[in-house]
C-alpha atoms as a PDB file:
ATOM      1  CA  UNK A   1       0.000   0.000   0.000  1.00  0.00           C
ATOM      2  CA  UNK A   2       2.797   2.408   0.892  1.00  0.00           C
ATOM      3  CA  UNK A   3       4.519   1.748  -2.440  1.00  0.00           C
ATOM      4  CA  UNK A   4       1.281   2.475  -4.283  1.00  0.00           C
ATOM      5  CA  UNK A   5       0.859   5.733  -2.402  1.00  0.00           C
ATOM      6  CA  UNK A   6       4.401   6.730  -3.272  1.00  0.00           C
ATOM      7  CA  UNK A   7       3.776   5.960  -6.958  1.00  0.00           C
ATOM      8  CA  UNK A   8       0.634   8.083  -6.922  1.00  0.00           C
ATOM      9  CA  UNK A   9       2.603  10.980  -5.519  1.00  0.00           C
ATOM     10  CA  UNK A  10       5.054  10.922  -8.425  1.00  0.00           C
ATOM     11  CA  UNK A  11       2.417  10.497 -11.145  1.00  0.00           C
ATOM     12  CA  UNK A  12       2.062  13.498 -13.446  1.00  0.00           C
ATOM     13  CA  UNK A  13      -0.890  14.664 -15.474  1.00  0.00           C
ATOM     14  CA  UNK A  14      -0.403  15.213 -19.205  1.00  0.00           C
ATOM     15  CA  UNK A  15      -0.094  18.970 -18.751  1.00  0.00           C
ATOM     16  CA  UNK A  16       2.342  18.588 -15.858  1.00  0.00           C
ATOM     17  CA  UNK A  17       4.521  16.461 -18.135  1.00  0.00           C
ATOM     18  CA  UNK A  18       4.364  19.143 -20.816  1.00  0.00           C
ATOM     19  CA  UNK A  19       5.300  21.875 -18.359  1.00  0.00           C
ATOM     20  CA  UNK A  20       8.286  19.816 -17.223  1.00  0.00           C
ATOM     21  CA  UNK A  21       9.257  19.350 -20.872  1.00  0.00           C
ATOM     22  CA  UNK A  22       8.860  23.082 -21.508  1.00  0.00           C
ATOM     23  CA  UNK A  23      11.083  23.903 -18.537  1.00  0.00           C
ATOM     24  CA  UNK A  24      13.733  21.460 -19.774  1.00  0.00           C
ATOM     25  CA  UNK A  25      13.639  22.858 -23.329  1.00  0.00           C
ATOM     26  CA  UNK A  26      13.910  26.451 -22.122  1.00  0.00           C
ATOM     27  CA  UNK A  27      16.726  25.519 -19.716  1.00  0.00           C
ATOM     28  CA  UNK A  28      18.709  23.855 -22.514  1.00  0.00           C
ATOM     29  CA  UNK A  29      17.992  26.833 -24.770  1.00  0.00           C
ATOM     30  CA  UNK A  30      19.235  29.272 -22.121  1.00  0.00           C
ATOM     31  CA  UNK A  31      22.518  27.379 -21.868  1.00  0.00           C
ATOM     32  CA  UNK A  32      23.097  26.743 -25.584  1.00  0.00           C
ATOM     33  CA  UNK A  33      21.848  30.059 -26.972  1.00  0.00           C
ATOM     34  CA  UNK A  34      21.030  32.870 -24.515  1.00  0.00           C
ATOM     35  CA  UNK A  35      20.276  35.203 -27.446  1.00  0.00           C
ATOM     36  CA  UNK A  36      17.155  33.139 -28.109  1.00  0.00           C
ATOM     37  CA  UNK A  37      15.355  35.130 -25.401  1.00  0.00           C
ATOM     38  CA  UNK A  38      16.101  38.465 -27.063  1.00  0.00           C
ATOM     39  CA  UNK A  39      12.822  40.197 -27.905  1.00  0.00           C
ATOM     40  CA  UNK A  40      13.634  40.501 -31.620  1.00  0.00           C
ATOM     41  CA  UNK A  41      14.425  36.796 -31.861  1.00  0.00           C
ATOM     42  CA  UNK A  42      11.197  35.855 -30.080  1.00  0.00           C
ATOM     43  CA  UNK A  43       9.277  37.907 -32.644  1.00  0.00           C
ATOM     44  CA  UNK A  44      11.138  36.115 -35.448  1.00  0.00           C
ATOM     45  CA  UNK A  45      10.063  32.790 -33.939  1.00  0.00           C
ATOM     46  CA  UNK A  46       6.342  33.645 -34.084  1.00  0.00           C
ATOM     47  CA  UNK A  47       5.881  33.106 -37.864  1.00  0.00           C
ATOM     48  CA  UNK A  48       7.468  29.651 -37.621  1.00  0.00           C
ATOM     49  CA  UNK A  49       5.247  28.900 -34.626  1.00  0.00           C
ATOM     50  CA  UNK A  50       2.208  29.967 -36.666  1.00  0.00           C
ATOM     51  CA  UNK A  51       3.143  27.769 -39.630  1.00  0.00           C
ATOM     52  CA  UNK A  52       3.679  24.728 -37.386  1.00  0.00           C
ATOM     53  CA  UNK A  53       0.364  25.397 -35.630  1.00  0.00           C
ATOM     54  CA  UNK A  54      -1.559  25.504 -38.914  1.00  0.00           C
ATOM     55  CA  UNK A  55       0.165  22.309 -40.057  1.00  0.00           C
ATOM     56  CA  UNK A  56      -0.626  20.668 -36.702  1.00  0.00           C
ATOM     57  CA  UNK A  57      -4.286  21.726 -36.709  1.00  0.00           C
ATOM     58  CA  UNK A  58      -4.781  19.910 -39.996  1.00  0.00           C
ATOM     59  CA  UNK A  59      -2.727  16.902 -38.952  1.00  0.00           C
ATOM     60  CA  UNK A  60      -4.824  16.610 -35.793  1.00  0.00           C
ATOM     61  CA  UNK A  61      -7.816  15.425 -37.858  1.00  0.00           C
ATOM     62  CA  UNK A  62      -5.754  12.603 -39.333  1.00  0.00           C
ATOM     63  CA  UNK A  63      -4.052  11.822 -36.023  1.00  0.00           C
ATOM     64  CA  UNK A  64      -7.372  11.449 -34.214  1.00  0.00           C
ATOM     65  CA  UNK A  65      -8.576   9.078 -36.944  1.00  0.00           C
ATOM     66  CA  UNK A  66      -5.556   6.884 -36.190  1.00  0.00           C
ATOM     67  CA  UNK A  67      -3.409   7.857 -39.156  1.00  0.00           C
ATOM     68  CA  UNK A  68      -0.293   9.807 -40.082  1.00  0.00           C
ATOM     69  CA  UNK A  69       0.007  12.089 -43.114  1.00  0.00           C
ATOM     70  CA  UNK A  70       3.519  12.292 -44.542  1.00  0.00           C
ATOM     71  CA  UNK A  71       2.459  14.238 -47.638  1.00  0.00           C
ATOM     72  CA  UNK A  72       1.856  17.621 -45.952  1.00  0.00           C
ATOM     73  CA  UNK A  73       5.276  18.960 -46.953  1.00  0.00           C
ATOM     74  CA  UNK A  74       4.621  18.100 -50.593  1.00  0.00           C
ATOM     75  CA  UNK A  75       1.151  19.663 -50.452  1.00  0.00           C
ATOM     76  CA  UNK A  76       2.640  22.848 -48.965  1.00  0.00           C
ATOM     77  CA  UNK A  77       5.276  23.044 -51.707  1.00  0.00           C
ATOM     78  CA  UNK A  78       2.639  22.387 -54.375  1.00  0.00           C
ATOM     79  CA  UNK A  79       0.293  25.106 -53.104  1.00  0.00           C
ATOM     80  CA  UNK A  80       3.031  27.726 -53.019  1.00  0.00           C
ATOM     81  CA  UNK A  81       4.202  26.712 -56.496  1.00  0.00           C
ATOM     82  CA  UNK A  82       0.744  26.853 -58.084  1.00  0.00           C
ATOM     83  CA  UNK A  83      -0.068  30.243 -56.565  1.00  0.00           C
ATOM     84  CA  UNK A  84       3.265  31.888 -57.379  1.00  0.00           C
ATOM     85  CA  UNK A  85       3.381  30.544 -60.950  1.00  0.00           C
ATOM     86  CA  UNK A  86      -0.204  31.702 -61.513  1.00  0.00           C
ATOM     87  CA  UNK A  87       0.876  35.209 -60.516  1.00  0.00           C
ATOM     88  CA  UNK A  88       4.155  35.014 -62.466  1.00  0.00           C
ATOM     89  CA  UNK A  89       2.316  34.330 -65.698  1.00  0.00           C
ATOM     90  CA  UNK A  90      -0.265  37.084 -65.181  1.00  0.00           C
ATOM     91  CA  UNK A  91       1.804  40.026 -63.977  1.00  0.00           C
ATOM     92  CA  UNK A  92       1.051  39.422 -60.306  1.00  0.00           C
ATOM     93  CA  UNK A  93      -2.547  40.551 -60.712  1.00  0.00           C
ATOM     94  CA  UNK A  94      -5.189  40.120 -58.018  1.00  0.00           C
ATOM     95  CA  UNK A  95      -7.191  37.862 -60.323  1.00  0.00           C
ATOM     96  CA  UNK A  96      -4.195  35.565 -60.790  1.00  0.00           C
ATOM     97  CA  UNK A  97      -3.702  35.461 -57.019  1.00  0.00           C
ATOM     98  CA  UNK A  98      -7.339  34.467 -56.407  1.00  0.00           C
ATOM     99  CA  UNK A  99      -7.186  31.850 -59.166  1.00  0.00           C
ATOM    100  CA  UNK A 100      -3.928  30.425 -57.853  1.00  0.00           C
ATOM    101  CA  UNK A 101      -5.243  30.200 -54.292  1.00  0.00           C
ATOM    102  CA  UNK A 102      -8.523  28.614 -55.397  1.00  0.00           C
ATOM    103  CA  UNK A 103      -6.757  25.985 -57.510  1.00  0.00           C
ATOM    104  CA  UNK A 104      -4.246  25.293 -54.723  1.00  0.00           C
ATOM    105  CA  UNK A 105      -6.901  24.665 -52.088  1.00  0.00           C
ATOM    106  CA  UNK A 106      -9.068  22.593 -54.453  1.00  0.00           C
ATOM    107  CA  UNK A 107      -6.182  20.379 -55.581  1.00  0.00           C
ATOM    108  CA  UNK A 108      -4.973  19.976 -51.989  1.00  0.00           C
ATOM    109  CA  UNK A 109      -8.437  18.886 -50.837  1.00  0.00           C
ATOM    110  CA  UNK A 110      -8.651  16.342 -53.669  1.00  0.00           C
ATOM    111  CA  UNK A 111      -5.238  14.909 -52.794  1.00  0.00           C
ATOM    112  CA  UNK A 112      -6.231  14.556 -49.157  1.00  0.00           C
ATOM    113  CA  UNK A 113      -9.606  13.001 -50.007  1.00  0.00           C
ATOM    114  CA  UNK A 114      -7.882  10.476 -52.274  1.00  0.00           C
ATOM    115  CA  UNK A 115      -5.507   9.536 -49.460  1.00  0.00           C
ATOM    116  CA  UNK A 116      -8.366   9.122 -46.990  1.00  0.00           C
ATOM    117  CA  UNK A 117     -10.335   6.985 -49.442  1.00  0.00           C
ATOM    118  CA  UNK A 118      -7.326   4.722 -50.066  1.00  0.00           C
ATOM    119  CA  UNK A 119      -6.687   4.340 -46.341  1.00  0.00           C
ATOM    120  CA  UNK A 120     -10.304   3.441 -45.607  1.00  0.00           C
ATOM    121  CA  UNK A 121     -11.524   1.484 -48.622  1.00  0.00           C
ATOM    122  CA  UNK A 122      -8.301  -0.043 -49.905  1.00  0.00           C
ATOM    123  CA  UNK A 123      -7.037  -0.734 -46.366  1.00  0.00           C
ATOM    124  CA  UNK A 124      -3.722   0.881 -47.260  1.00  0.00           C
ATOM    125  CA  UNK A 125      -1.622   1.971 -44.244  1.00  0.00           C
ATOM    126  CA  UNK A 126      -1.728   5.758 -43.979  1.00  0.00           C
ATOM    127  CA  UNK A 127       2.028   6.194 -43.973  1.00  0.00           C
ATOM    128  CA  UNK A 128       2.327   4.184 -47.214  1.00  0.00           C
ATOM    129  CA  UNK A 129      -0.230   6.111 -49.268  1.00  0.00           C
ATOM    130  CA  UNK A 130       0.820   9.529 -47.951  1.00  0.00           C
ATOM    131  CA  UNK A 131       4.508   8.727 -48.480  1.00  0.00           C
ATOM    132  CA  UNK A 132       3.652   7.848 -52.086  1.00  0.00           C
ATOM    133  CA  UNK A 133       1.844  11.181 -52.462  1.00  0.00           C
ATOM    134  CA  UNK A 134       4.881  12.950 -50.996  1.00  0.00           C
ATOM    135  CA  UNK A 135       7.164  11.502 -53.691  1.00  0.00           C
ATOM    136  CA  UNK A 136       4.612  12.264 -56.416  1.00  0.00           C
ATOM    137  CA  UNK A 137       4.267  15.889 -55.318  1.00  0.00           C
ATOM    138  CA  UNK A 138       8.003  16.407 -55.000  1.00  0.00           C
ATOM    139  CA  UNK A 139       8.195  15.225 -58.604  1.00  0.00           C
ATOM    140  CA  UNK A 140       5.362  17.463 -59.795  1.00  0.00           C
ATOM    141  CA  UNK A 141       6.608  20.690 -58.161  1.00  0.00           C
ATOM    142  CA  UNK A 142       9.843  20.920 -60.243  1.00  0.00           C
ATOM    143  CA  UNK A 143       7.744  20.466 -63.399  1.00  0.00           C
ATOM    144  CA  UNK A 144       5.499  23.383 -62.379  1.00  0.00           C
ATOM    145  CA  UNK A 145       8.503  25.541 -61.513  1.00  0.00           C
ATOM    146  CA  UNK A 146      10.505  24.526 -64.581  1.00  0.00           C
ATOM    147  CA  UNK A 147      13.185  22.905 -62.413  1.00  0.00           C
ATOM    148  CA  UNK A 148      14.021  26.287 -60.927  1.00  0.00           C
ATOM    149  CA  UNK A 149      13.751  28.066 -57.614  1.00  0.00           C
ATOM    150  CA  UNK A 150      11.267  30.895 -58.146  1.00  0.00           C
ATOM    151  CA  UNK A 151      11.568  34.110 -56.155  1.00  0.00           C
ATOM    152  CA  UNK A 152       8.460  36.151 -55.454  1.00  0.00           C
ATOM    153  CA  UNK A 153       8.621  39.603 -57.034  1.00  0.00           C
ATOM    154  CA  UNK A 154       7.833  42.679 -54.912  1.00  0.00           C
ATOM    155  CA  UNK A 155       6.538  46.132 -55.783  1.00  0.00           C
ATOM    156  CA  UNK A 156       9.533  47.783 -54.155  1.00  0.00           C
ATOM    157  CA  UNK A 157      11.918  46.170 -56.635  1.00  0.00           C
ATOM    158  CA  UNK A 158       9.582  45.732 -59.611  1.00  0.00           C
ATOM    159  CA  UNK A 159       6.990  48.462 -60.368  1.00  0.00           C
ATOM    160  CA  UNK A 160       5.202  46.111 -62.799  1.00  0.00           C
ATOM    161  CA  UNK A 161       4.020  43.975 -59.863  1.00  0.00           C
ATOM    162  CA  UNK A 162       0.320  44.692 -59.306  1.00  0.00           C
ATOM    163  CA  UNK A 163      -0.239  42.614 -56.180  1.00  0.00           C
ATOM    164  CA  UNK A 164       2.122  42.412 -53.194  1.00  0.00           C
ATOM    165  CA  UNK A 165       0.163  39.739 -51.303  1.00  0.00           C
ATOM    166  CA  UNK A 166       3.058  37.501 -50.262  1.00  0.00           C
ATOM    167  CA  UNK A 167       5.285  40.360 -49.171  1.00  0.00           C
ATOM    168  CA  UNK A 168       2.509  41.940 -47.089  1.00  0.00           C
ATOM    169  CA  UNK A 169       1.481  38.642 -45.513  1.00  0.00           C
ATOM    170  CA  UNK A 170       5.042  37.756 -44.584  1.00  0.00           C
ATOM    171  CA  UNK A 171       6.178  41.139 -43.262  1.00  0.00           C
ATOM    172  CA  UNK A 172       3.102  43.023 -42.007  1.00  0.00           C
ATOM    173  CA  UNK A 173       2.624  43.608 -38.272  1.00  0.00           C
ATOM    174  CA  UNK A 174      -0.315  44.540 -36.064  1.00  0.00           C
ATOM    175  CA  UNK A 175       0.723  46.319 -32.863  1.00  0.00           C
ATOM    176  CA  UNK A 176       4.200  44.836 -33.319  1.00  0.00           C
ATOM    177  CA  UNK A 177       2.903  41.274 -33.723  1.00  0.00           C
ATOM    178  CA  UNK A 178       3.461  39.557 -37.105  1.00  0.00           C
ATOM    179  CA  UNK A 179       0.227  39.064 -39.048  1.00  0.00           C
ATOM    180  CA  UNK A 180       1.157  35.420 -39.586  1.00  0.00           C
ATOM    181  CA  UNK A 181       1.108  34.853 -35.820  1.00  0.00           C
ATOM    182  CA  UNK A 182      -2.482  36.080 -35.655  1.00  0.00           C
ATOM    183  CA  UNK A 183      -3.523  33.260 -38.000  1.00  0.00           C
ATOM    184  CA  UNK A 184      -3.034  30.875 -35.065  1.00  0.00           C
ATOM    185  CA  UNK A 185      -6.281  32.125 -33.500  1.00  0.00           C
ATOM    186  CA  UNK A 186      -8.725  31.376 -36.357  1.00  0.00           C
ATOM    187  CA  UNK A 187      -6.918  28.113 -37.191  1.00  0.00           C
ATOM    188  CA  UNK A 188      -7.268  26.876 -33.615  1.00  0.00           C
ATOM    189  CA  UNK A 189     -10.871  28.062 -33.266  1.00  0.00           C
ATOM    190  CA  UNK A 190     -11.987  26.436 -36.526  1.00  0.00           C
ATOM    191  CA  UNK A 191     -10.288  23.157 -35.601  1.00  0.00           C
ATOM    192  CA  UNK A 192     -11.833  23.104 -32.145  1.00  0.00           C
ATOM    193  CA  UNK A 193     -15.267  23.990 -33.502  1.00  0.00           C
ATOM    194  CA  UNK A 194     -15.175  21.158 -36.034  1.00  0.00           C
ATOM    195  CA  UNK A 195     -13.997  18.583 -33.498  1.00  0.00           C
ATOM    196  CA  UNK A 196     -16.220  19.619 -30.608  1.00  0.00           C
ATOM    197  CA  UNK A 197     -19.436  20.857 -32.200  1.00  0.00           C
ATOM    198  CA  UNK A 198     -20.012  18.817 -35.342  1.00  0.00           C
ATOM    199  CA  UNK A 199     -21.155  15.276 -36.028  1.00  0.00           C
ATOM    200  CA  UNK A 200     -18.063  14.821 -38.179  1.00  0.00           C
ATOM    201  CA  UNK A 201     -15.874  15.555 -35.143  1.00  0.00           C
ATOM    202  CA  UNK A 202     -17.695  12.954 -33.042  1.00  0.00           C
ATOM    203  CA  UNK A 203     -17.554  10.397 -35.855  1.00  0.00           C
ATOM    204  CA  UNK A 204     -13.850  11.056 -36.291  1.00  0.00           C
ATOM    205  CA  UNK A 205     -13.134  10.272 -32.639  1.00  0.00           C
ATOM    206  CA  UNK A 206     -15.180   7.077 -32.804  1.00  0.00           C
ATOM    207  CA  UNK A 207     -13.379   6.051 -35.975  1.00  0.00           C
ATOM    208  CA  UNK A 208     -10.005   6.582 -34.321  1.00  0.00           C
ATOM    209  CA  UNK A 209     -11.009   4.771 -31.136  1.00  0.00           C
ATOM    210  CA  UNK A 210     -12.397   1.650 -32.782  1.00  0.00           C
ATOM    211  CA  UNK A 211     -13.032   1.442 -36.498  1.00  0.00           C
ATOM    212  CA  UNK A 212     -15.110  -1.715 -36.385  1.00  0.00           C
ATOM    213  CA  UNK A 213     -17.530  -0.433 -33.767  1.00  0.00           C
ATOM    214  CA  UNK A 214     -17.725   2.936 -35.542  1.00  0.00           C
ATOM    215  CA  UNK A 215     -18.898   1.162 -38.713  1.00  0.00           C
ATOM    216  CA  UNK A 216     -21.440  -0.831 -36.711  1.00  0.00           C
ATOM    217  CA  UNK A 217     -22.826   2.384 -35.265  1.00  0.00           C
ATOM    218  CA  UNK A 218     -23.415   3.778 -38.736  1.00  0.00           C
ATOM    219  CA  UNK A 219     -20.324   5.963 -39.043  1.00  0.00           C
ATOM    220  CA  UNK A 220     -19.172   6.199 -42.665  1.00  0.00           C
ATOM    221  CA  UNK A 221     -15.536   5.178 -42.363  1.00  0.00           C
ATOM    222  CA  UNK A 222     -14.731   6.080 -45.974  1.00  0.00           C
ATOM    223  CA  UNK A 223     -16.440   9.471 -45.865  1.00  0.00           C
ATOM    224  CA  UNK A 224     -15.054  10.411 -42.463  1.00  0.00           C
ATOM    225  CA  UNK A 225     -11.527   9.332 -43.381  1.00  0.00           C
ATOM    226  CA  UNK A 226     -11.632  11.165 -46.716  1.00  0.00           C
ATOM    227  CA  UNK A 227     -12.856  14.361 -45.002  1.00  0.00           C
ATOM    228  CA  UNK A 228     -10.141  14.110 -42.316  1.00  0.00           C
ATOM    229  CA  UNK A 229      -7.319  13.809 -44.852  1.00  0.00           C
ATOM    230  CA  UNK A 230      -8.873  16.504 -47.052  1.00  0.00           C
ATOM    231  CA  UNK A 231      -8.934  18.919 -44.098  1.00  0.00           C
ATOM    232  CA  UNK A 232      -5.328  18.013 -43.298  1.00  0.00           C
ATOM    233  CA  UNK A 233      -4.287  18.865 -46.859  1.00  0.00           C
ATOM    234  CA  UNK A 234      -6.264  22.119 -46.864  1.00  0.00           C
ATOM    235  CA  UNK A 235      -4.480  23.249 -43.699  1.00  0.00           C
ATOM    236  CA  UNK A 236      -1.156  22.136 -45.230  1.00  0.00           C
ATOM    237  CA  UNK A 237      -2.003  24.246 -48.281  1.00  0.00           C
ATOM    238  CA  UNK A 238      -2.544  27.274 -46.031  1.00  0.00           C
ATOM    239  CA  UNK A 239       0.755  26.561 -44.260  1.00  0.00           C
ATOM    240  CA  UNK A 240       2.479  26.383 -47.650  1.00  0.00           C
ATOM    241  CA  UNK A 241       1.149  29.824 -48.580  1.00  0.00           C
ATOM    242  CA  UNK A 242       2.415  31.132 -45.241  1.00  0.00           C
ATOM    243  CA  UNK A 243       5.861  29.596 -45.791  1.00  0.00           C
ATOM    244  CA  UNK A 244       6.045  31.141 -49.253  1.00  0.00           C
ATOM    245  CA  UNK A 245       5.298  34.565 -47.764  1.00  0.00           C
ATOM    246  CA  UNK A 246       8.087  34.067 -45.208  1.00  0.00           C
ATOM    247  CA  UNK A 247      10.743  32.838 -47.643  1.00  0.00           C
ATOM    248  CA  UNK A 248       9.484  34.826 -50.676  1.00  0.00           C
ATOM    249  CA  UNK A 249      10.477  31.874 -52.831  1.00  0.00           C
ATOM    250  CA  UNK A 250       9.184  28.429 -53.771  1.00  0.00           C
ATOM    251  CA  UNK A 251      10.985  25.165 -54.474  1.00  0.00           C
ATOM    252  CA  UNK A 252      10.723  21.468 -53.670  1.00  0.00           C
ATOM    253  CA  UNK A 253      12.386  22.187 -50.319  1.00  0.00           C
ATOM    254  CA  UNK A 254       9.761  24.760 -49.266  1.00  0.00           C
ATOM    255  CA  UNK A 255       8.453  22.537 -46.455  1.00  0.00           C
ATOM    256  CA  UNK A 256      11.098  19.825 -46.413  1.00  0.00           C
ATOM    257  CA  UNK A 257      11.015  17.852 -43.157  1.00  0.00           C
ATOM    258  CA  UNK A 258       7.758  19.402 -41.979  1.00  0.00           C
ATOM    259  CA  UNK A 259       5.943  16.060 -41.645  1.00  0.00           C
ATOM    260  CA  UNK A 260       8.498  14.786 -39.147  1.00  0.00           C
ATOM    261  CA  UNK A 261       8.303  17.976 -37.111  1.00  0.00           C
ATOM    262  CA  UNK A 262       4.492  17.948 -37.036  1.00  0.00           C
ATOM    263  CA  UNK A 263       4.300  14.284 -36.018  1.00  0.00           C
ATOM    264  CA  UNK A 264       6.548  15.144 -33.088  1.00  0.00           C
ATOM    265  CA  UNK A 265       4.417  18.214 -32.287  1.00  0.00           C
ATOM    266  CA  UNK A 266       1.246  16.097 -32.206  1.00  0.00           C
ATOM    267  CA  UNK A 267       2.850  13.458 -30.022  1.00  0.00           C
ATOM    268  CA  UNK A 268       4.222  16.071 -27.625  1.00  0.00           C
ATOM    269  CA  UNK A 269       0.771  17.665 -27.594  1.00  0.00           C
ATOM    270  CA  UNK A 270      -0.806  14.454 -26.325  1.00  0.00           C
ATOM    271  CA  UNK A 271      -2.466  13.057 -29.460  1.00  0.00           C
ATOM    272  CA  UNK A 272      -3.194   9.351 -28.964  1.00  0.00           C
ATOM    273  CA  UNK A 273      -3.032   7.988 -32.492  1.00  0.00           C
ATOM    274  CA  UNK A 274      -4.811   4.717 -31.647  1.00  0.00           C
ATOM    275  CA  UNK A 275      -7.430   6.084 -29.274  1.00  0.00           C
ATOM    276  CA  UNK A 276      -9.235   8.871 -31.109  1.00  0.00           C
ATOM    277  CA  UNK A 277      -8.076  11.528 -28.654  1.00  0.00           C
ATOM    278  CA  UNK A 278      -6.275  14.822 -29.023  1.00  0.00           C
ATOM    279  CA  UNK A 279      -6.745  18.440 -28.012  1.00  0.00           C
ATOM    280  CA  UNK A 280      -6.161  21.655 -29.885  1.00  0.00           C
ATOM    281  CA  UNK A 281      -4.500  23.224 -26.846  1.00  0.00           C
ATOM    282  CA  UNK A 282      -2.085  20.291 -26.721  1.00  0.00           C
ATOM    283  CA  UNK A 283      -1.002  20.530 -30.348  1.00  0.00           C
ATOM    284  CA  UNK A 284      -0.462  24.280 -30.021  1.00  0.00           C
ATOM    285  CA  UNK A 285       1.915  23.507 -27.181  1.00  0.00           C
ATOM    286  CA  UNK A 286       3.614  20.868 -29.329  1.00  0.00           C
ATOM    287  CA  UNK A 287       3.955  23.355 -32.188  1.00  0.00           C
ATOM    288  CA  UNK A 288       5.526  25.863 -29.812  1.00  0.00           C
ATOM    289  CA  UNK A 289       8.110  23.342 -28.627  1.00  0.00           C
ATOM    290  CA  UNK A 290       8.852  22.437 -32.251  1.00  0.00           C
ATOM    291  CA  UNK A 291       9.337  26.095 -33.202  1.00  0.00           C
ATOM    292  CA  UNK A 292      11.662  26.662 -30.243  1.00  0.00           C
ATOM    293  CA  UNK A 293      13.736  23.620 -31.224  1.00  0.00           C
ATOM    294  CA  UNK A 294      13.897  24.753 -34.869  1.00  0.00           C
ATOM    295  CA  UNK A 295      15.012  28.251 -33.889  1.00  0.00           C
ATOM    296  CA  UNK A 296      17.585  26.864 -31.453  1.00  0.00           C
ATOM    297  CA  UNK A 297      19.130  24.623 -34.112  1.00  0.00           C
ATOM    298  CA  UNK A 298      19.389  27.611 -36.455  1.00  0.00           C
ATOM    299  CA  UNK A 299      20.939  29.892 -33.818  1.00  0.00           C
ATOM    300  CA  UNK A 300      23.539  27.330 -32.785  1.00  0.00           C
ATOM    301  CA  UNK A 301      24.500  26.607 -36.395  1.00  0.00           C
ATOM    302  CA  UNK A 302      23.867  22.868 -36.195  1.00  0.00           C
ATOM    303  CA  UNK A 303      24.644  21.129 -39.484  1.00  0.00           C
ATOM    304  CA  UNK A 304      21.728  19.953 -41.635  1.00  0.00           C
ATOM    305  CA  UNK A 305      22.703  16.281 -41.257  1.00  0.00           C
ATOM    306  CA  UNK A 306      22.720  16.550 -37.469  1.00  0.00           C
ATOM    307  CA  UNK A 307      19.352  18.311 -37.543  1.00  0.00           C
ATOM    308  CA  UNK A 308      17.802  15.259 -39.203  1.00  0.00           C
ATOM    309  CA  UNK A 309      19.255  13.030 -36.474  1.00  0.00           C
ATOM    310  CA  UNK A 310      17.895  15.400 -33.834  1.00  0.00           C
ATOM    311  CA  UNK A 311      14.439  15.369 -35.424  1.00  0.00           C
ATOM    312  CA  UNK A 312      14.423  11.564 -35.507  1.00  0.00           C
ATOM    313  CA  UNK A 313      15.309  11.413 -31.809  1.00  0.00           C
ATOM    314  CA  UNK A 314      12.583  13.940 -30.994  1.00  0.00           C
ATOM    315  CA  UNK A 315       9.977  11.918 -32.915  1.00  0.00           C
ATOM    316  CA  UNK A 316      10.878   8.670 -31.157  1.00  0.00           C
ATOM    317  CA  UNK A 317      10.890  10.348 -27.757  1.00  0.00           C
ATOM    318  CA  UNK A 318       7.621  12.150 -28.421  1.00  0.00           C
ATOM    319  CA  UNK A 319       5.867   8.993 -29.613  1.00  0.00           C
ATOM    320  CA  UNK A 320       7.055   7.122 -26.524  1.00  0.00           C
ATOM    321  CA  UNK A 321       5.783   9.943 -24.339  1.00  0.00           C
ATOM    322  CA  UNK A 322       2.415   9.945 -26.111  1.00  0.00           C
ATOM    323  CA  UNK A 323       1.953   6.207 -25.727  1.00  0.00           C
ATOM    324  CA  UNK A 324       1.688   5.588 -29.472  1.00  0.00           C
ATOM    325  CA  UNK A 325       0.889   1.971 -30.162  1.00  0.00           C
ATOM    326  CA  UNK A 326      -0.334   1.341 -26.626  1.00  0.00           C
ATOM    327  CA  UNK A 327      -3.868   0.041 -26.575  1.00  0.00           C
ATOM    328  CA  UNK A 328      -4.028  -0.801 -22.896  1.00  0.00           C
ATOM    329  CA  UNK A 329      -5.565   2.495 -21.902  1.00  0.00           C
ATOM    330  CA  UNK A 330      -8.178   2.264 -24.646  1.00  0.00           C
ATOM    331  CA  UNK A 331     -11.287   0.549 -23.234  1.00  0.00           C
ATOM    332  CA  UNK A 332     -12.275  -0.578 -26.723  1.00  0.00           C
ATOM    333  CA  UNK A 333      -9.311  -2.925 -26.867  1.00  0.00           C
ATOM    334  CA  UNK A 334      -9.425  -3.950 -23.221  1.00  0.00           C
ATOM    335  CA  UNK A 335     -13.083  -4.942 -23.023  1.00  0.00           C
ATOM    336  CA  UNK A 336     -14.801  -6.300 -26.160  1.00  0.00           C
ATOM    337  CA  UNK A 337     -18.234  -5.022 -25.132  1.00  0.00           C
ATOM    338  CA  UNK A 338     -17.132  -1.607 -23.939  1.00  0.00           C
ATOM    339  CA  UNK A 339     -18.649   1.502 -25.477  1.00  0.00           C
ATOM    340  CA  UNK A 340     -16.634   4.196 -27.154  1.00  0.00           C
ATOM    341  CA  UNK A 341     -16.425   7.417 -25.205  1.00  0.00           C
ATOM    342  CA  UNK A 342     -16.620  10.436 -27.481  1.00  0.00           C
ATOM    343  CA  UNK A 343     -15.024  13.482 -25.896  1.00  0.00           C
ATOM    344  CA  UNK A 344     -16.402  16.811 -27.031  1.00  0.00           C
ATOM    345  CA  UNK A 345     -14.322  19.093 -24.828  1.00  0.00           C
ATOM    346  CA  UNK A 346     -11.657  19.924 -27.397  1.00  0.00           C
END
């Protein structure tokens, strides 16, 4: 009994674990790069934080359904390429911008829906079909760009430019806060609203918790899965537009490595990939940790090869922390007759 009491004393809630992790990350950051805490650097970190949050909001839909989307980096690169090339060929007009954005979001949604359909109906593992899409998209983007790295033109350097959308989006501030950072608010609110207040959100959680029982209860596995992956791709498209406005250029490497970072962010944020659970507040925290780590690696001048090793270690550690692959805490796998609990809090 005494041993059990002692164990209870040292047990941490999910948020206590995250706060401990945050303290550790900030402590390491303070030692390795004290300049990180400079006000100007913190402001520079906000756009990256916003991009990761938008990516993570979309990936949350797929994560809750029990899947992983590795194609988000390719979708982001594709969306930036389509929009920029549409403007390049039409003198950067507003009409070309609207057309490029519309085509980008439509194509992204179709790619995501196709992935979700394949995962559900063809019983293809999510990482297989989305990895295939990633390779396809990284092959398509160079064709769109003519095997070149395209720089976004600006009015300040080219008077012929009629629309300065990307430059404004990437550099504008409101009360000193980057406009991109403000996108976090609507992205988080829309994600929470869909998950907590719609039938689709409830079906998605049931599908992630136990696919067989969800089908028995009348949940359309194919439709729900297709919608989840489509939403993930739409958010990835938005993140790609944001990245293009930050870099003012597009190439196949626009969002290289983003899938790995977002998987880690979701795991750190408490998404249970096999249990249909995950909270928006958690993934925002995970995105923040990911942005801090990215900024720290850049400030300390860590080589690209070592960054990939670091990301791999973070993913493994985050998945272990999240309990990925553990079905013991899921009542659906512990008791055959148990009902699925659908959480509507977040």
